[in-house]
Amino acid sequence: MRWWKMLGLAGIMGVAATGVVIARAERRRRAYTPEEIRTRLRDRAHTQPEGRSS
């Protein structure tokens, strides 16, 4: 095989691996119920140090 074929295969594998990571994160994010999301956001807001607005 020529070097450009190996480079192309490595690129395709990188794109596929990135897609898997994104799909896993999306599934994990969608697993929360709306109430769980609200609770997590409220907890995060309460633990935020004073003086920060974001």
Foldseek 3Di string as FASTA:
>chain_A
DDPVVVVVVVVVVVVVVVVVVVVVVVVVVVVDDPVRVVVVVVVVVVPDDPPDDD
